[in-house]
Amino acid sequence: MLRLVALRERDIFRLGCRDDHRPLFAGVDLGLPHRRTTGVALLCCRCRTIWTTQTTPTVAIALCTYLRPDLAAVDAPLSLPRRGTERGIEKISRALGYRLIPPLLGSMRRLTKTGMLLAETLERANVKVVETHPRSALQSAGIVDLMRIVAPVRSGRSCRLTRHMIDAAISSIVAAAYYFNLHVVLQDSEKGSLILLSRSFVRKCLKIEK
């Protein structure tokens, strides 16, 4: 079982896991610019620990750029539709029972713009970025709740665990699944793709019962 540690923003920069915990995976639950509603998480498979915090998109980008994870999974649209408000990936997901919000619907327009900027910045730093949707990722793996597969750990640096931090933690697990080729990919004709968790990843890597 993975350990889940919720940290204050300033403490996550002190992890020292830049070189000591490879492979290292990041998950980002993106919030709107200038608001502290972005969750960011780092997963070290070697020590089976996820560190997560809540911050702004700017700090999340800075953290990922500084630590240079082997792969990052982002909970936000990372591409635009050719026409209309939704991409083919939203239509495919909806047909499979997943609920994604179209990237140009209402406030999602700003979130999508921020997500694309984050992906572009990280890719310039040689960090591969994939798109995910945490709730759909759990659903695809047959997991009812993240707490089925993690053990929250309290320490002197711990803080309250929020929904954004939980979604970031799920996203970091998706990044690891993609890295080890134990994922599900939904792809449309516009070359958009969504990465989810496979049931085989749950069996092989997380060692839990279905």
Protein backbone atom coordinates (compact mmCIF):
# COMPACT_ATOMS: atom_id res chain seq x y z
CA MET A 1 0.00 0.00 0.00
CA LEU A 2 1.20 3.52 -0.78
CA ARG A 3 1.80 6.06 1.98
CA LEU A 4 0.11 9.44 1.49
CA VAL A 5 1.62 12.48 3.22
CA ALA A 6 -0.08 15.90 3.03
CA LEU A 7 2.48 18.69 3.38
CA ARG A 8 2.42 22.45 3.63
CA GLU A 9 3.51 24.17 0.45
CA ARG A 10 6.91 25.30 1.74
CA ASP A 11 7.79 21.82 2.97
CA ILE A 12 7.33 20.00 -0.33
CA PHE A 13 10.29 21.91 -1.81
CA ARG A 14 12.47 20.42 0.94
CA LEU A 15 11.92 16.79 0.04
CA GLY A 16 15.33 16.40 -1.53
CA CYS A 17 13.94 13.75 -3.89
CA ARG A 18 15.33 15.29 -7.04
CA ASP A 19 17.97 12.58 -7.49
CA ASP A 20 17.39 10.14 -4.64
CA HIS A 21 13.92 8.85 -5.48
CA ARG A 22 13.94 7.84 -9.13
CA PRO A 23 11.72 7.20 -10.89
CA LEU A 24 9.72 10.17 -9.63
CA PHE A 25 6.20 11.01 -10.85
CA ALA A 26 4.15 14.19 -10.53
CA GLY A 27 0.41 14.70 -10.49
CA VAL A 28 -1.26 18.10 -10.85
CA ASP A 29 -4.91 18.88 -10.17
CA LEU A 30 -4.99 22.23 -11.88
CA GLY A 31 -6.99 25.15 -10.47
CA LEU A 32 -7.63 28.61 -11.86
CA PRO A 33 -4.75 31.12 -12.02
CA HIS A 34 -4.03 33.23 -8.92
CA ARG A 35 -6.03 30.90 -6.66
CA ARG A 36 -4.56 28.43 -4.21
CA THR A 37 -6.72 25.58 -5.47
CA THR A 38 -4.12 23.60 -7.41
CA GLY A 39 -3.11 20.27 -5.96
CA VAL A 40 0.35 18.92 -6.72
CA ALA A 41 1.71 15.51 -5.72
CA LEU A 42 4.99 13.62 -6.05
CA LEU A 43 5.12 9.82 -6.08
CA CYS A 44 8.31 7.89 -5.33
CA CYS A 45 7.87 4.23 -6.22
CA ARG A 46 11.07 3.23 -4.43
CA CYS A 47 9.77 4.34 -1.03
CA ARG A 48 6.10 3.88 -2.01
CA THR A 49 5.20 7.38 -0.81
CA ILE A 50 3.09 10.19 -2.27
CA TRP A 51 3.72 13.72 -1.00
CA THR A 52 0.97 16.20 -1.81
CA THR A 53 0.19 19.86 -1.18
CA GLN A 54 -2.13 22.65 -2.34
CA THR A 55 -0.86 25.82 -4.00
CA THR A 56 -1.19 28.01 -7.10
CA PRO A 57 -0.58 26.91 -10.72
CA THR A 58 2.57 29.06 -10.82
CA VAL A 59 4.11 27.34 -7.78
CA ALA A 60 3.06 23.90 -9.10
CA ILE A 61 4.88 24.60 -12.38
CA ALA A 62 7.93 25.84 -10.47
CA LEU A 63 7.99 22.72 -8.29
CA CYS A 64 7.74 20.33 -11.24
CA THR A 65 10.35 22.28 -13.21
CA TYR A 66 12.73 22.21 -10.22
CA LEU A 67 12.33 18.51 -9.41
CA ARG A 68 12.03 17.36 -13.05
CA PRO A 69 9.89 14.24 -12.50
CA ASP A 70 10.21 11.42 -15.01
CA LEU A 71 6.59 12.02 -16.03
CA ALA A 72 3.71 14.30 -15.01
CA ALA A 73 -0.04 13.68 -15.30
CA VAL A 74 -2.31 16.74 -15.30
CA ASP A 75 -5.99 16.90 -14.42
CA ALA A 76 -6.96 19.52 -17.01
CA PRO A 77 -7.57 19.63 -20.76
CA LEU A 78 -4.25 19.98 -22.58
CA SER A 79 -5.59 20.62 -26.08
CA LEU A 80 -8.38 22.53 -27.83
CA PRO A 81 -11.22 21.19 -29.98
CA ARG A 82 -11.07 21.83 -33.70
CA ARG A 83 -14.61 23.20 -33.52
CA GLY A 84 -17.28 23.73 -30.89
CA THR A 85 -16.66 23.48 -27.14
CA GLU A 86 -15.62 19.84 -26.80
CA ARG A 87 -13.07 17.46 -28.27
CA GLY A 88 -13.58 13.96 -29.51
CA ILE A 89 -12.05 12.68 -26.28
CA GLU A 90 -14.97 14.11 -24.29
CA LYS A 91 -17.45 12.31 -26.55
CA ILE A 92 -15.59 9.00 -26.27
CA SER A 93 -15.31 9.32 -22.50
CA ARG A 94 -18.99 10.16 -22.11
CA ALA A 95 -19.96 7.06 -24.10
CA LEU A 96 -17.90 4.96 -21.66
CA GLY A 97 -19.54 6.52 -18.61
CA TYR A 98 -16.81 9.01 -17.68
CA ARG A 99 -17.74 12.62 -17.01
CA LEU A 100 -15.31 15.12 -18.48
CA ILE A 101 -16.16 18.80 -18.79
CA PRO A 102 -15.55 20.26 -22.29
CA PRO A 103 -12.41 22.45 -22.42
CA LEU A 104 -14.17 25.57 -23.72
CA LEU A 105 -17.28 25.44 -21.54
CA GLY A 106 -17.51 28.38 -19.12
CA SER A 107 -14.61 28.66 -16.68
CA MET A 108 -12.97 25.62 -18.26
CA ARG A 109 -11.66 27.93 -20.97
CA ARG A 110 -9.24 29.58 -18.50
CA LEU A 111 -8.35 26.23 -16.95
CA THR A 112 -7.54 24.78 -20.36
CA LYS A 113 -5.33 27.75 -21.21
CA THR A 114 -3.44 27.30 -17.95
CA GLY A 115 -3.13 23.56 -18.54
CA MET A 116 -1.66 24.06 -21.99
CA LEU A 117 0.84 26.58 -20.58
CA LEU A 118 1.84 24.14 -17.83
CA ALA A 119 2.36 21.32 -20.35
CA GLU A 120 4.39 23.55 -22.66
CA THR A 121 6.61 24.76 -19.79
CA LEU A 122 7.29 21.27 -18.46
CA GLU A 123 7.98 19.82 -21.90
CA ARG A 124 10.57 22.56 -22.46
CA ALA A 125 12.20 21.24 -19.28
CA ASN A 126 12.17 17.73 -20.82
CA VAL A 127 9.32 16.49 -18.61
CA LYS A 128 6.78 14.39 -20.50
CA VAL A 129 3.19 15.43 -19.72
CA VAL A 130 -0.03 13.45 -20.15
CA GLU A 131 -3.65 14.36 -19.53
CA THR A 132 -5.79 12.47 -17.04
CA HIS A 133 -9.06 12.72 -15.09
CA PRO A 134 -8.70 11.36 -11.53
CA ARG A 135 -12.26 10.22 -10.91
CA SER A 136 -12.40 8.47 -14.27
CA ALA A 137 -8.99 6.91 -13.60
CA LEU A 138 -10.24 5.32 -10.38
CA GLN A 139 -13.41 4.20 -12.15
CA SER A 140 -11.46 2.54 -14.97
CA ALA A 141 -9.42 0.58 -12.41
CA GLY A 142 -12.46 -0.48 -10.40
CA ILE A 143 -11.41 1.52 -7.33
CA VAL A 144 -14.20 3.15 -5.34
CA ASP A 145 -12.03 5.53 -3.31
CA LEU A 146 -8.35 6.52 -3.19
CA MET A 147 -8.25 5.59 0.50
CA ARG A 148 -8.61 1.96 -0.55
CA ILE A 149 -5.05 2.02 -1.88
CA VAL A 150 -3.22 4.56 0.31
CA ALA A 151 -2.43 4.91 4.00
CA PRO A 152 -2.48 8.56 5.18
CA VAL A 153 0.55 9.37 7.34
CA ARG A 154 0.62 12.11 9.98
CA SER A 155 3.87 13.85 10.82
CA GLY A 156 5.09 17.14 12.21
CA ARG A 157 4.94 18.68 8.75
CA SER A 158 1.55 17.26 7.82
CA CYS A 159 -1.52 19.36 7.06
CA ARG A 160 -5.18 18.76 6.28
CA LEU A 161 -5.79 16.68 3.15
CA THR A 162 -8.04 18.46 0.61
CA ARG A 163 -9.93 17.24 -2.45
CA HIS A 164 -7.41 18.97 -4.73
CA MET A 165 -4.53 17.19 -2.99
CA ILE A 166 -6.32 13.85 -3.33
CA ASP A 167 -6.92 14.37 -7.06
CA ALA A 168 -3.26 15.33 -7.51
CA ALA A 169 -2.25 12.12 -5.72
CA ILE A 170 -4.43 10.06 -8.06
CA SER A 171 -2.86 11.86 -11.02
CA SER A 172 0.64 10.96 -9.80
CA ILE A 173 -0.42 7.30 -9.69
CA VAL A 174 -1.65 7.63 -13.28
CA ALA A 175 1.76 9.01 -14.27
CA ALA A 176 3.44 5.96 -12.75
CA ALA A 177 1.02 3.63 -14.51
CA TYR A 178 1.79 5.27 -17.85
CA TYR A 179 5.54 5.03 -17.22
CA PHE A 180 5.30 1.29 -16.53
CA ASN A 181 2.91 0.71 -19.46
CA LEU A 182 0.08 -0.39 -17.17
CA HIS A 183 -2.46 2.19 -18.25
CA VAL A 184 -5.57 2.65 -20.36
CA VAL A 185 -5.50 5.25 -23.12
CA LEU A 186 -8.55 6.80 -24.76
CA GLN A 187 -7.69 8.48 -28.06
CA ASP A 188 -9.70 10.41 -30.63
CA SER A 189 -9.23 11.25 -34.30
CA GLU A 190 -7.86 14.68 -33.36
CA LYS A 191 -4.87 13.00 -31.64
CA GLY A 192 -6.19 13.94 -28.22
CA SER A 193 -5.65 11.31 -25.53
CA LEU A 194 -6.69 10.65 -21.94
CA ILE A 195 -4.66 8.36 -19.67
CA LEU A 196 -6.47 6.26 -17.07
CA LEU A 197 -5.58 3.41 -14.71
CA SER A 198 -5.85 -0.22 -15.76
CA ARG A 199 -6.94 -3.04 -13.50
CA SER A 200 -3.65 -4.81 -14.22
CA PHE A 201 -1.77 -1.85 -12.70
CA VAL A 202 -3.82 -2.21 -9.54
CA ARG A 203 -3.04 -5.94 -9.29
CA LYS A 204 0.66 -5.75 -10.15
CA CYS A 205 1.77 -2.50 -8.52
CA LEU A 206 -0.61 -1.67 -5.71
CA LYS A 207 -1.17 -5.21 -4.44
CA ILE A 208 -4.80 -4.76 -3.38
CA GLU A 209 -7.86 -6.87 -3.86
CA LYS A 210 -10.46 -5.78 -6.35
